[in-house]
Amino acid sequence: MRSQFFDGFDFSEYKYSIVAIEHVDELFKIEKYGLHPVIYDESCLRGYACIFGVTDEKKLALHKLFTNNNGRPAPAIDGVMPTAFHSPAGDLRYDLEHEIPYTGSILIAHGFIQKFFVPFGFQIPHAFRKVYELTFYEGLFVHVADRSDEARQLRIEYEEPMPAAKKMQLRVAHWFNKPEEYGFDDETIAQYMDLSYDTKYLF
């Protein structure tokens, strides 16, 4: 496994990465749409990736869905059939304007600081220079807050998540298939193999 492919968010004419979700299970469940993806690439173990945005009516919406359906026929979503498309998530792409009645906040970010890179799971929110918190009520966009300064403070308070030497040990462990000897330990895996955004909601 390696670092995971982020979901995206179209906001203010830019595309951001989603780095944390206050209520993960309430935002998006792919099974609801009749899709049952499998792992297509180890950079997207969930088998799907989303790009969200806000409509002209200030409603949260799913704009694009990249996924696969394990080789089976794919269903339509809101009457829209997928097109063939290659991505880390799979071979299907949906272009949608599907409104999501989510209540809660989402952290979006850009400007990743490479020294904070971790080789497993999603990257931590404070590893980005610009972080914004978007708040929704029953799908309606109600507030935005700039959390970049809080992210900067966290970078000051916490050490880098993994030193370069540890990263090299992990690469060597993969080559020699000796995980314990070369640092590919259970503690490291538990710390970085997070496939959910909720435990990283820091603000």
N, C-alpha and C. Protein backbone atom coordinates (compact mmCIF):
# COMPACT_ATOMS: atom_id res chain seq x y z
N MET A 1 0.83 -1.20 0.00
CA MET A 1 0.00 0.00 0.00
C MET A 1 0.87 1.25 0.00
N ARG A 2 0.36 2.31 -0.60
CA ARG A 2 1.09 3.57 -0.55
C ARG A 2 0.12 4.71 -0.25
N SER A 3 0.62 5.94 -0.29
CA SER A 3 -0.24 7.09 0.00
C SER A 3 -1.44 7.09 -0.93
N GLN A 4 -2.56 7.58 -0.43
CA GLN A 4 -3.83 7.43 -1.12
C GLN A 4 -4.22 8.65 -1.95
N PHE A 5 -4.90 8.37 -3.05
CA PHE A 5 -5.40 9.36 -4.00
C PHE A 5 -6.51 10.17 -3.33
N PHE A 6 -6.31 11.48 -3.25
CA PHE A 6 -7.29 12.35 -2.59
C PHE A 6 -8.58 12.52 -3.40
N ASP A 7 -9.68 12.75 -2.68
CA ASP A 7 -10.86 13.31 -3.31
C ASP A 7 -10.61 14.80 -3.54
N GLY A 8 -11.35 15.39 -4.48
CA GLY A 8 -11.16 16.79 -4.79
C GLY A 8 -12.38 17.63 -4.50
N PHE A 9 -12.19 18.95 -4.51
CA PHE A 9 -13.30 19.87 -4.29
C PHE A 9 -13.07 21.11 -5.15
N ASP A 10 -14.03 21.41 -6.03
CA ASP A 10 -13.98 22.61 -6.85
C ASP A 10 -14.53 23.77 -6.02
N PHE A 11 -13.66 24.76 -5.75
CA PHE A 11 -14.08 25.87 -4.91
C PHE A 11 -13.40 27.15 -5.37
N SER A 12 -14.19 28.18 -5.60
CA SER A 12 -13.68 29.49 -5.97
C SER A 12 -12.75 29.40 -7.17
N GLU A 13 -13.19 28.66 -8.19
CA GLU A 13 -12.48 28.53 -9.46
C GLU A 13 -11.19 27.73 -9.36
N TYR A 14 -10.96 27.06 -8.22
CA TYR A 14 -9.77 26.24 -8.07
C TYR A 14 -10.18 24.84 -7.61
N LYS A 15 -9.30 23.88 -7.86
CA LYS A 15 -9.52 22.53 -7.36
C LYS A 15 -8.64 22.30 -6.14
N TYR A 16 -9.25 21.93 -5.03
CA TYR A 16 -8.55 21.64 -3.79
C TYR A 16 -8.61 20.14 -3.51
N SER A 17 -7.78 19.69 -2.58
CA SER A 17 -7.86 18.33 -2.08
C SER A 17 -8.70 18.32 -0.81
N ILE A 18 -9.57 17.33 -0.68
CA ILE A 18 -10.28 17.14 0.58
C ILE A 18 -9.31 16.44 1.54
N VAL A 19 -9.09 17.04 2.70
CA VAL A 19 -8.13 16.48 3.65
C VAL A 19 -8.77 16.00 4.95
N ALA A 20 -10.02 16.37 5.20
CA ALA A 20 -10.72 15.87 6.39
C ALA A 20 -12.21 16.11 6.21
N ILE A 21 -13.01 15.22 6.77
CA ILE A 21 -14.46 15.32 6.71
C ILE A 21 -14.99 15.08 8.12
N GLU A 22 -15.83 15.97 8.59
CA GLU A 22 -16.32 15.87 9.97
C GLU A 22 -17.13 14.60 10.19
N HIS A 23 -18.02 14.28 9.25
CA HIS A 23 -18.86 13.09 9.36
C HIS A 23 -18.73 12.28 8.08
N VAL A 24 -17.72 11.43 8.02
CA VAL A 24 -17.38 10.73 6.79
C VAL A 24 -18.54 9.90 6.25
N ASP A 25 -19.14 9.11 7.11
CA ASP A 25 -20.19 8.18 6.65
C ASP A 25 -21.44 8.89 6.15
N GLU A 26 -21.62 10.15 6.54
CA GLU A 26 -22.82 10.87 6.12
C GLU A 26 -22.63 11.62 4.80
N LEU A 27 -21.39 11.70 4.32
CA LEU A 27 -21.15 12.45 3.09
C LEU A 27 -21.38 11.61 1.85
N PHE A 28 -20.75 10.44 1.79
CA PHE A 28 -20.83 9.66 0.56
C PHE A 28 -20.63 8.18 0.85
N LYS A 29 -21.56 7.37 0.39
CA LYS A 29 -21.45 5.92 0.44
C LYS A 29 -21.70 5.39 -0.95
N ILE A 30 -20.68 4.82 -1.57
CA ILE A 30 -20.79 4.43 -2.97
C ILE A 30 -21.80 3.30 -3.18
N GLU A 31 -21.99 2.45 -2.16
CA GLU A 31 -22.95 1.35 -2.30
C GLU A 31 -24.36 1.86 -2.56
N LYS A 32 -24.66 3.05 -2.09
CA LYS A 32 -25.98 3.65 -2.28
C LYS A 32 -26.31 3.81 -3.76
N TYR A 33 -25.29 3.88 -4.59
CA TYR A 33 -25.48 4.13 -6.02
C TYR A 33 -25.42 2.86 -6.86
N GLY A 34 -25.42 1.72 -6.18
CA GLY A 34 -25.44 0.44 -6.89
C GLY A 34 -24.10 0.03 -7.45
N LEU A 35 -23.02 0.63 -6.96
CA LEU A 35 -21.68 0.30 -7.42
C LEU A 35 -20.95 -0.50 -6.34
N HIS A 36 -20.14 -1.45 -6.79
CA HIS A 36 -19.40 -2.30 -5.86
C HIS A 36 -17.96 -2.42 -6.37
N PRO A 37 -17.18 -1.36 -6.19
CA PRO A 37 -15.83 -1.35 -6.74
C PRO A 37 -14.87 -2.24 -5.97
N VAL A 38 -13.81 -2.62 -6.65
CA VAL A 38 -12.71 -3.36 -6.04
C VAL A 38 -11.45 -2.51 -6.17
N ILE A 39 -10.38 -2.94 -5.53
CA ILE A 39 -9.11 -2.21 -5.63
C ILE A 39 -8.62 -2.26 -7.07
N TYR A 40 -8.40 -1.10 -7.64
CA TYR A 40 -7.93 -1.00 -9.02
C TYR A 40 -6.45 -0.66 -9.06
N ASP A 41 -6.00 0.09 -8.08
CA ASP A 41 -4.61 0.50 -7.96
C ASP A 41 -4.34 0.70 -6.47
N GLU A 42 -3.15 0.37 -6.02
CA GLU A 42 -2.89 0.46 -4.58
C GLU A 42 -2.86 1.89 -4.07
N SER A 43 -2.86 2.88 -4.96
CA SER A 43 -2.96 4.27 -4.52
C SER A 43 -4.41 4.70 -4.31
N CYS A 44 -5.36 3.78 -4.56
CA CYS A 44 -6.78 4.07 -4.31
C CYS A 44 -7.45 2.78 -3.87
N LEU A 45 -7.20 2.39 -2.63
CA LEU A 45 -7.70 1.11 -2.15
C LEU A 45 -9.21 1.05 -2.06
N ARG A 46 -9.86 2.21 -1.95
CA ARG A 46 -11.33 2.22 -1.87
C ARG A 46 -11.97 1.85 -3.21
N GLY A 47 -11.24 2.07 -4.29
CA GLY A 47 -11.79 1.79 -5.61
C GLY A 47 -12.68 2.91 -6.14
N TYR A 48 -12.61 4.07 -5.55
CA TYR A 48 -13.36 5.22 -6.08
C TYR A 48 -12.73 6.51 -5.58
N ALA A 49 -12.96 7.57 -6.33
CA ALA A 49 -12.54 8.90 -5.93
C ALA A 49 -13.58 9.88 -6.44
N CYS A 50 -13.79 10.95 -5.69
CA CYS A 50 -14.85 11.92 -6.00
C CYS A 50 -14.29 13.32 -6.16
N ILE A 51 -14.98 14.12 -6.95
CA ILE A 51 -14.77 15.56 -6.96
C ILE A 51 -16.11 16.21 -6.65
N PHE A 52 -16.15 16.98 -5.57
CA PHE A 52 -17.35 17.67 -5.15
C PHE A 52 -17.25 19.15 -5.51
N GLY A 53 -18.33 19.87 -5.32
CA GLY A 53 -18.34 21.30 -5.54
C GLY A 53 -19.62 21.90 -5.00
N VAL A 54 -19.82 23.18 -5.29
CA VAL A 54 -21.01 23.89 -4.86
C VAL A 54 -21.74 24.41 -6.10
N THR A 55 -23.03 24.16 -6.17
CA THR A 55 -23.82 24.59 -7.33
C THR A 55 -24.09 26.09 -7.26
N ASP A 56 -24.71 26.62 -8.31
CA ASP A 56 -25.09 28.04 -8.33
C ASP A 56 -26.08 28.37 -7.21
N GLU A 57 -26.81 27.36 -6.76
CA GLU A 57 -27.76 27.55 -5.65
C GLU A 57 -27.11 27.30 -4.29
N LYS A 58 -25.78 27.22 -4.26
CA LYS A 58 -24.99 27.02 -3.04
C LYS A 58 -25.29 25.67 -2.38
N LYS A 59 -25.54 24.66 -3.20
CA LYS A 59 -25.77 23.31 -2.69
C LYS A 59 -24.53 22.44 -2.95
N LEU A 60 -24.19 21.62 -1.98
CA LEU A 60 -23.11 20.66 -2.14
C LEU A 60 -23.50 19.63 -3.19
N ALA A 61 -22.59 19.35 -4.12
CA ALA A 61 -22.92 18.41 -5.18
C ALA A 61 -21.71 17.56 -5.54
N LEU A 62 -21.98 16.34 -5.93
CA LEU A 62 -20.97 15.45 -6.49
C LEU A 62 -20.85 15.77 -7.97
N HIS A 63 -19.67 16.24 -8.39
CA HIS A 63 -19.44 16.62 -9.78
C HIS A 63 -18.92 15.47 -10.63
N LYS A 64 -17.94 14.75 -10.08
CA LYS A 64 -17.35 13.65 -10.83
C LYS A 64 -17.12 12.47 -9.89
N LEU A 65 -17.30 11.29 -10.43
CA LEU A 65 -17.03 10.07 -9.69
C LEU A 65 -16.18 9.17 -10.57
N PHE A 66 -15.01 8.80 -10.07
CA PHE A 66 -14.11 7.88 -10.76
C PHE A 66 -14.14 6.56 -10.00
N THR A 67 -14.41 5.47 -10.70
CA THR A 67 -14.58 4.20 -9.99
C THR A 67 -14.50 3.03 -10.96
N ASN A 68 -14.88 1.87 -10.48
CA ASN A 68 -15.03 0.67 -11.29
C ASN A 68 -16.15 -0.15 -10.70
N ASN A 69 -16.62 -1.12 -11.41
CA ASN A 69 -17.69 -1.96 -10.87
C ASN A 69 -17.33 -3.43 -10.97
N ASN A 70 -16.04 -3.70 -10.74
CA ASN A 70 -15.55 -5.08 -10.70
C ASN A 70 -15.91 -5.85 -11.98
N GLY A 71 -15.87 -5.16 -13.12
CA GLY A 71 -16.12 -5.80 -14.40
C GLY A 71 -17.57 -6.02 -14.75
N ARG A 72 -18.46 -5.65 -13.85
CA ARG A 72 -19.90 -5.83 -14.10
C ARG A 72 -20.49 -4.59 -14.75
N PRO A 73 -21.66 -4.72 -15.38
CA PRO A 73 -22.31 -3.53 -15.96
C PRO A 73 -22.54 -2.46 -14.91
N ALA A 74 -22.26 -1.22 -15.26
CA ALA A 74 -22.39 -0.12 -14.30
C ALA A 74 -23.78 0.51 -14.40
N PRO A 75 -24.36 0.90 -13.27
CA PRO A 75 -25.69 1.53 -13.30
C PRO A 75 -25.61 3.01 -13.67
N ALA A 76 -26.74 3.57 -14.04
CA ALA A 76 -26.84 5.01 -14.25
C ALA A 76 -27.01 5.70 -12.89
N ILE A 77 -26.51 6.92 -12.78
CA ILE A 77 -26.71 7.76 -11.60
C ILE A 77 -27.41 9.03 -12.08
N ASP A 78 -28.59 9.27 -11.56
CA ASP A 78 -29.41 10.41 -12.01
C ASP A 78 -29.61 10.37 -13.52
N GLY A 79 -29.74 9.17 -14.06
CA GLY A 79 -29.94 9.00 -15.49
C GLY A 79 -28.68 9.12 -16.32
N VAL A 80 -27.54 9.30 -15.68
CA VAL A 80 -26.27 9.48 -16.38
C VAL A 80 -25.47 8.17 -16.34
N MET A 81 -25.08 7.69 -17.52
CA MET A 81 -24.23 6.51 -17.61
C MET A 81 -22.76 6.94 -17.58
N PRO A 82 -21.90 6.07 -17.08
CA PRO A 82 -20.48 6.42 -17.04
C PRO A 82 -19.83 6.31 -18.41
N THR A 83 -18.70 6.97 -18.55
CA THR A 83 -17.88 6.84 -19.75
C THR A 83 -16.60 6.11 -19.36
N ALA A 84 -15.95 5.53 -20.36
CA ALA A 84 -14.68 4.84 -20.12
C ALA A 84 -13.60 5.87 -19.80
N PHE A 85 -12.85 5.60 -18.75
CA PHE A 85 -11.84 6.57 -18.32
C PHE A 85 -10.85 5.85 -17.41
N HIS A 86 -9.55 6.07 -17.61
CA HIS A 86 -8.56 5.40 -16.77
C HIS A 86 -8.09 6.34 -15.66
N SER A 87 -8.19 5.88 -14.42
CA SER A 87 -7.71 6.63 -13.26
C SER A 87 -7.25 5.63 -12.21
N PRO A 88 -6.59 6.08 -11.14
CA PRO A 88 -6.22 5.14 -10.07
C PRO A 88 -7.41 4.45 -9.44
N ALA A 89 -8.61 5.03 -9.59
CA ALA A 89 -9.80 4.43 -8.99
C ALA A 89 -10.44 3.37 -9.88
N GLY A 90 -10.20 3.42 -11.16
CA GLY A 90 -10.82 2.43 -12.03
C GLY A 90 -10.97 2.90 -13.46
N ASP A 91 -11.92 2.29 -14.16
CA ASP A 91 -12.07 2.53 -15.59
C ASP A 91 -13.38 3.23 -15.94
N LEU A 92 -14.06 3.79 -14.94
CA LEU A 92 -15.33 4.47 -15.18
C LEU A 92 -15.28 5.90 -14.67
N ARG A 93 -15.99 6.78 -15.38
CA ARG A 93 -16.10 8.18 -14.95
C ARG A 93 -17.54 8.64 -15.12
N TYR A 94 -18.11 9.19 -14.05
CA TYR A 94 -19.43 9.80 -14.09
C TYR A 94 -19.28 11.32 -14.02
N ASP A 95 -19.95 12.04 -14.89
CA ASP A 95 -20.01 13.50 -14.85
C ASP A 95 -21.41 13.88 -14.38
N LEU A 96 -21.50 14.45 -13.19
CA LEU A 96 -22.78 14.61 -12.52
C LEU A 96 -22.98 16.02 -11.97
N GLU A 97 -24.17 16.24 -11.46
CA GLU A 97 -24.49 17.41 -10.65
C GLU A 97 -25.42 16.93 -9.55
N HIS A 98 -24.96 15.88 -8.84
CA HIS A 98 -25.79 15.17 -7.87
C HIS A 98 -25.70 15.85 -6.51
N GLU A 99 -26.78 16.43 -6.04
CA GLU A 99 -26.77 17.15 -4.77
C GLU A 99 -26.69 16.18 -3.59
N ILE A 100 -25.90 16.60 -2.59
CA ILE A 100 -25.64 15.79 -1.40
C ILE A 100 -26.19 16.52 -0.17
N PRO A 101 -27.15 15.95 0.56
CA PRO A 101 -27.75 16.64 1.72
C PRO A 101 -26.93 16.51 2.99
N TYR A 102 -25.68 16.87 2.92
CA TYR A 102 -24.74 16.68 4.03
C TYR A 102 -24.80 17.83 5.03
N THR A 103 -24.75 17.50 6.31
CA THR A 103 -24.64 18.50 7.37
C THR A 103 -23.34 18.27 8.12
N GLY A 104 -22.48 19.29 8.14
CA GLY A 104 -21.19 19.16 8.78
C GLY A 104 -20.15 19.96 8.02
N SER A 105 -18.90 19.77 8.38
CA SER A 105 -17.81 20.52 7.77
C SER A 105 -16.88 19.62 6.98
N ILE A 106 -16.18 20.25 6.04
CA ILE A 106 -15.19 19.58 5.21
C ILE A 106 -13.96 20.48 5.17
N LEU A 107 -12.79 19.89 5.35
CA LEU A 107 -11.55 20.65 5.20
C LEU A 107 -10.99 20.41 3.80
N ILE A 108 -10.70 21.50 3.09
CA ILE A 108 -10.08 21.41 1.77
C ILE A 108 -8.75 22.15 1.83
N ALA A 109 -7.80 21.74 1.00
CA ALA A 109 -6.46 22.31 1.12
C ALA A 109 -5.71 22.25 -0.20
N HIS A 110 -4.68 23.11 -0.29
CA HIS A 110 -3.70 22.99 -1.37
C HIS A 110 -2.38 23.56 -0.88
N GLY A 111 -1.33 23.36 -1.67
CA GLY A 111 -0.01 23.80 -1.27
C GLY A 111 0.65 22.81 -0.35
N PHE A 112 0.78 21.55 -0.79
CA PHE A 112 1.35 20.50 0.05
C PHE A 112 2.82 20.77 0.33
N ILE A 113 3.24 20.54 1.57
CA ILE A 113 4.63 20.71 1.99
C ILE A 113 5.27 19.32 2.00
N GLN A 114 6.19 19.10 1.08
CA GLN A 114 6.68 17.75 0.80
C GLN A 114 7.33 17.08 2.00
N LYS A 115 7.97 17.83 2.88
CA LYS A 115 8.65 17.19 4.01
C LYS A 115 7.69 16.51 4.97
N PHE A 116 6.40 16.80 4.86
CA PHE A 116 5.40 16.15 5.71
C PHE A 116 4.78 14.92 5.06
N PHE A 117 5.29 14.54 3.90
CA PHE A 117 4.74 13.38 3.20
C PHE A 117 4.85 12.12 4.04
N VAL A 118 3.76 11.34 4.07
CA VAL A 118 3.78 10.03 4.70
C VAL A 118 3.42 8.99 3.64
N PRO A 119 4.01 7.80 3.70
CA PRO A 119 3.86 6.84 2.61
C PRO A 119 2.59 6.01 2.65
N PHE A 120 1.78 6.14 3.71
CA PHE A 120 0.55 5.36 3.82
C PHE A 120 -0.65 6.28 3.99
N GLY A 121 -1.79 5.85 3.50
CA GLY A 121 -3.04 6.55 3.76
C GLY A 121 -3.10 7.95 3.19
N PHE A 122 -4.01 8.78 3.75
CA PHE A 122 -4.15 10.16 3.32
C PHE A 122 -3.18 11.06 4.08
N GLN A 123 -2.75 12.12 3.45
CA GLN A 123 -1.83 13.06 4.08
C GLN A 123 -2.58 13.89 5.14
N ILE A 124 -1.85 14.34 6.16
CA ILE A 124 -2.46 15.08 7.25
C ILE A 124 -2.83 16.50 6.82
N PRO A 125 -3.90 17.08 7.35
CA PRO A 125 -4.34 18.41 6.92
C PRO A 125 -3.30 19.50 7.12
N HIS A 126 -2.56 19.46 8.23
CA HIS A 126 -1.62 20.56 8.46
C HIS A 126 -0.34 20.44 7.64
N ALA A 127 -0.30 19.47 6.72
CA ALA A 127 0.82 19.38 5.78
C ALA A 127 0.60 20.28 4.57
N PHE A 128 -0.45 21.10 4.59
CA PHE A 128 -0.78 22.00 3.49
C PHE A 128 -0.69 23.45 3.96
N ARG A 129 -0.27 24.32 3.05
CA ARG A 129 -0.13 25.74 3.40
C ARG A 129 -1.48 26.45 3.50
N LYS A 130 -2.40 26.10 2.64
CA LYS A 130 -3.73 26.74 2.66
C LYS A 130 -4.78 25.70 3.00
N VAL A 131 -5.54 25.94 4.06
CA VAL A 131 -6.59 25.03 4.50
C VAL A 131 -7.86 25.84 4.77
N TYR A 132 -8.97 25.42 4.17
CA TYR A 132 -10.25 26.08 4.38
C TYR A 132 -11.26 25.07 4.93
N GLU A 133 -12.09 25.55 5.85
CA GLU A 133 -13.17 24.73 6.41
C GLU A 133 -14.49 25.21 5.81
N LEU A 134 -15.15 24.31 5.08
CA LEU A 134 -16.45 24.60 4.50
C LEU A 134 -17.52 23.93 5.34
N THR A 135 -18.57 24.67 5.68
CA THR A 135 -19.64 24.12 6.52
C THR A 135 -20.95 24.11 5.74
N PHE A 136 -21.67 23.00 5.88
CA PHE A 136 -22.93 22.80 5.16
C PHE A 136 -24.03 22.43 6.14
N TYR A 137 -25.25 22.84 5.81
CA TYR A 137 -26.42 22.44 6.59
C TYR A 137 -27.45 21.88 5.61
N GLU A 138 -27.71 20.57 5.75
CA GLU A 138 -28.62 19.86 4.85
C GLU A 138 -28.26 20.15 3.39
N GLY A 139 -26.98 20.16 3.12
CA GLY A 139 -26.50 20.35 1.76
C GLY A 139 -26.25 21.79 1.36
N LEU A 140 -26.76 22.75 2.14
CA LEU A 140 -26.60 24.16 1.81
C LEU A 140 -25.27 24.68 2.36
N PHE A 141 -24.49 25.33 1.53
CA PHE A 141 -23.22 25.92 1.93
C PHE A 141 -23.49 27.16 2.77
N VAL A 142 -23.06 27.13 4.04
CA VAL A 142 -23.41 28.22 4.95
C VAL A 142 -22.21 29.02 5.47
N HIS A 143 -20.99 28.46 5.37
CA HIS A 143 -19.88 29.20 5.96
C HIS A 143 -18.55 28.67 5.44
N VAL A 144 -17.57 29.58 5.31
CA VAL A 144 -16.20 29.20 5.01
C VAL A 144 -15.28 29.89 6.01
N ALA A 145 -14.28 29.18 6.50
CA ALA A 145 -13.31 29.73 7.44
C ALA A 145 -11.91 29.34 6.96
N ASP A 146 -11.00 30.31 6.98
CA ASP A 146 -9.61 30.06 6.62
C ASP A 146 -8.90 29.45 7.85
N ARG A 147 -8.46 28.21 7.72
CA ARG A 147 -7.80 27.51 8.83
C ARG A 147 -6.30 27.37 8.59
N SER A 148 -5.76 28.18 7.69
CA SER A 148 -4.35 28.06 7.35
C SER A 148 -3.45 28.38 8.55
N ASP A 149 -3.84 29.35 9.35
CA ASP A 149 -3.00 29.69 10.50
C ASP A 149 -2.99 28.58 11.53
N GLU A 150 -4.15 27.93 11.76
CA GLU A 150 -4.19 26.79 12.67
C GLU A 150 -3.30 25.66 12.16
N ALA A 151 -3.32 25.45 10.84
CA ALA A 151 -2.46 24.42 10.25
C ALA A 151 -0.99 24.76 10.48
N ARG A 152 -0.65 26.03 10.33
CA ARG A 152 0.74 26.46 10.56
C ARG A 152 1.14 26.22 12.02
N GLN A 153 0.23 26.51 12.94
CA GLN A 153 0.52 26.29 14.36
C GLN A 153 0.76 24.80 14.65
N LEU A 154 -0.02 23.95 14.01
CA LEU A 154 0.17 22.51 14.21
C LEU A 154 1.52 22.06 13.66
N ARG A 155 1.96 22.66 12.57
CA ARG A 155 3.28 22.31 12.04
C ARG A 155 4.38 22.69 13.02
N ILE A 156 4.16 23.75 13.77
CA ILE A 156 5.14 24.17 14.78
C ILE A 156 5.12 23.23 15.98
N GLU A 157 3.93 22.80 16.38
CA GLU A 157 3.78 21.99 17.60
C GLU A 157 4.22 20.55 17.41
N TYR A 158 4.02 20.01 16.20
CA TYR A 158 4.30 18.60 15.97
C TYR A 158 5.52 18.41 15.10
N GLU A 159 6.24 17.36 15.38
CA GLU A 159 7.39 17.03 14.55
C GLU A 159 6.91 16.48 13.22
N GLU A 160 7.83 16.44 12.26
CA GLU A 160 7.52 15.82 10.98
C GLU A 160 7.07 14.38 11.23
N PRO A 161 6.03 13.91 10.54
CA PRO A 161 5.46 12.61 10.84
C PRO A 161 6.39 11.44 10.60
N MET A 162 7.34 11.56 9.66
CA MET A 162 8.24 10.46 9.40
C MET A 162 9.53 10.98 8.81
N PRO A 163 10.68 10.70 9.44
CA PRO A 163 11.95 11.18 8.91
C PRO A 163 12.35 10.44 7.64
N ALA A 164 13.28 11.05 6.91
CA ALA A 164 13.71 10.47 5.64
C ALA A 164 14.29 9.08 5.82
N ALA A 165 15.02 8.86 6.91
CA ALA A 165 15.63 7.55 7.15
C ALA A 165 14.57 6.46 7.28
N LYS A 166 13.46 6.80 7.95
CA LYS A 166 12.38 5.83 8.13
C LYS A 166 11.73 5.50 6.79
N LYS A 167 11.55 6.52 5.94
CA LYS A 167 10.98 6.28 4.61
C LYS A 167 11.86 5.31 3.82
N MET A 168 13.18 5.51 3.91
CA MET A 168 14.09 4.62 3.20
C MET A 168 14.01 3.20 3.73
N GLN A 169 13.88 3.05 5.05
CA GLN A 169 13.73 1.72 5.64
C GLN A 169 12.51 1.02 5.08
N LEU A 170 11.43 1.76 4.91
CA LEU A 170 10.20 1.17 4.39
C LEU A 170 10.38 0.71 2.96
N ARG A 171 11.10 1.48 2.16
CA ARG A 171 11.36 1.08 0.77
C ARG A 171 12.22 -0.18 0.73
N VAL A 172 13.25 -0.21 1.57
CA VAL A 172 14.12 -1.38 1.62
C VAL A 172 13.35 -2.61 2.10
N ALA A 173 12.47 -2.41 3.06
CA ALA A 173 11.66 -3.53 3.56
C ALA A 173 10.85 -4.15 2.44
N HIS A 174 10.31 -3.31 1.56
CA HIS A 174 9.51 -3.81 0.45
C HIS A 174 10.37 -4.65 -0.49
N TRP A 175 11.60 -4.20 -0.75
CA TRP A 175 12.48 -4.92 -1.67
C TRP A 175 12.90 -6.28 -1.10
N PHE A 176 13.23 -6.32 0.18
CA PHE A 176 13.79 -7.52 0.77
C PHE A 176 12.75 -8.39 1.46
N ASN A 177 11.51 -7.89 1.52
CA ASN A 177 10.43 -8.65 2.16
C ASN A 177 10.76 -9.03 3.59
N LYS A 178 11.38 -8.08 4.33
CA LYS A 178 11.71 -8.29 5.74
C LYS A 178 11.17 -7.10 6.53
N PRO A 179 9.87 -7.02 6.69
CA PRO A 179 9.28 -5.82 7.27
C PRO A 179 9.75 -5.48 8.67
N GLU A 180 9.83 -6.45 9.57
CA GLU A 180 10.20 -6.14 10.94
C GLU A 180 11.63 -5.65 11.03
N GLU A 181 12.52 -6.31 10.29
CA GLU A 181 13.93 -5.96 10.38
C GLU A 181 14.23 -4.57 9.85
N TYR A 182 13.47 -4.14 8.85
CA TYR A 182 13.78 -2.88 8.20
C TYR A 182 12.80 -1.75 8.54
N GLY A 183 12.02 -1.92 9.58
CA GLY A 183 11.23 -0.81 10.07
C GLY A 183 9.78 -0.76 9.64
N PHE A 184 9.30 -1.77 8.94
CA PHE A 184 7.91 -1.79 8.48
C PHE A 184 7.06 -2.39 9.59
N ASP A 185 7.01 -1.70 10.73
CA ASP A 185 6.44 -2.29 11.94
C ASP A 185 4.95 -1.98 12.07
N ASP A 186 4.27 -2.70 12.97
CA ASP A 186 2.84 -2.55 13.16
C ASP A 186 2.47 -1.14 13.61
N GLU A 187 3.31 -0.55 14.44
CA GLU A 187 3.03 0.80 14.94
C GLU A 187 3.01 1.82 13.80
N THR A 188 3.98 1.69 12.90
CA THR A 188 4.03 2.60 11.76
C THR A 188 2.81 2.42 10.86
N ILE A 189 2.47 1.19 10.60
CA ILE A 189 1.31 0.91 9.75
C ILE A 189 0.04 1.48 10.38
N ALA A 190 -0.14 1.25 11.67
CA ALA A 190 -1.34 1.74 12.34
C ALA A 190 -1.43 3.26 12.29
N GLN A 191 -0.28 3.94 12.33
CA GLN A 191 -0.27 5.39 12.35
C GLN A 191 -0.63 5.99 11.00
N TYR A 192 -0.24 5.32 9.92
CA TYR A 192 -0.35 5.95 8.61
C TYR A 192 -1.32 5.27 7.64
N MET A 193 -1.84 4.09 7.95
CA MET A 193 -2.72 3.40 7.02
C MET A 193 -4.18 3.79 7.24
N ASP A 194 -4.46 5.06 7.39
CA ASP A 194 -5.81 5.53 7.62
C ASP A 194 -6.50 5.77 6.28
N LEU A 195 -7.57 5.04 6.01
CA LEU A 195 -8.29 5.19 4.74
C LEU A 195 -9.52 6.05 4.89
N SER A 196 -9.68 6.68 6.03
CA SER A 196 -10.81 7.56 6.28
C SER A 196 -10.31 8.95 6.57
N TYR A 197 -11.19 9.94 6.35
CA TYR A 197 -10.82 11.32 6.61
C TYR A 197 -11.20 11.79 8.02
N ASP A 198 -12.02 11.04 8.74
CA ASP A 198 -12.61 11.60 9.96
C ASP A 198 -11.60 11.77 11.09
N THR A 199 -10.67 10.84 11.25
CA THR A 199 -9.73 10.94 12.37
C THR A 199 -8.72 12.05 12.19
N LYS A 200 -8.71 12.68 11.03
CA LYS A 200 -7.78 13.79 10.79
C LYS A 200 -8.49 15.13 10.85
N TYR A 201 -9.70 15.15 11.38
CA TYR A 201 -10.42 16.43 11.48
C TYR A 201 -9.92 17.15 12.73
N LEU A 202 -9.02 18.11 12.54
CA LEU A 202 -8.25 18.67 13.64
C LEU A 202 -8.75 20.02 14.16
N PHE A 203 -9.67 20.67 13.47
CA PHE A 203 -10.03 22.03 13.86
C PHE A 203 -11.45 22.11 14.40
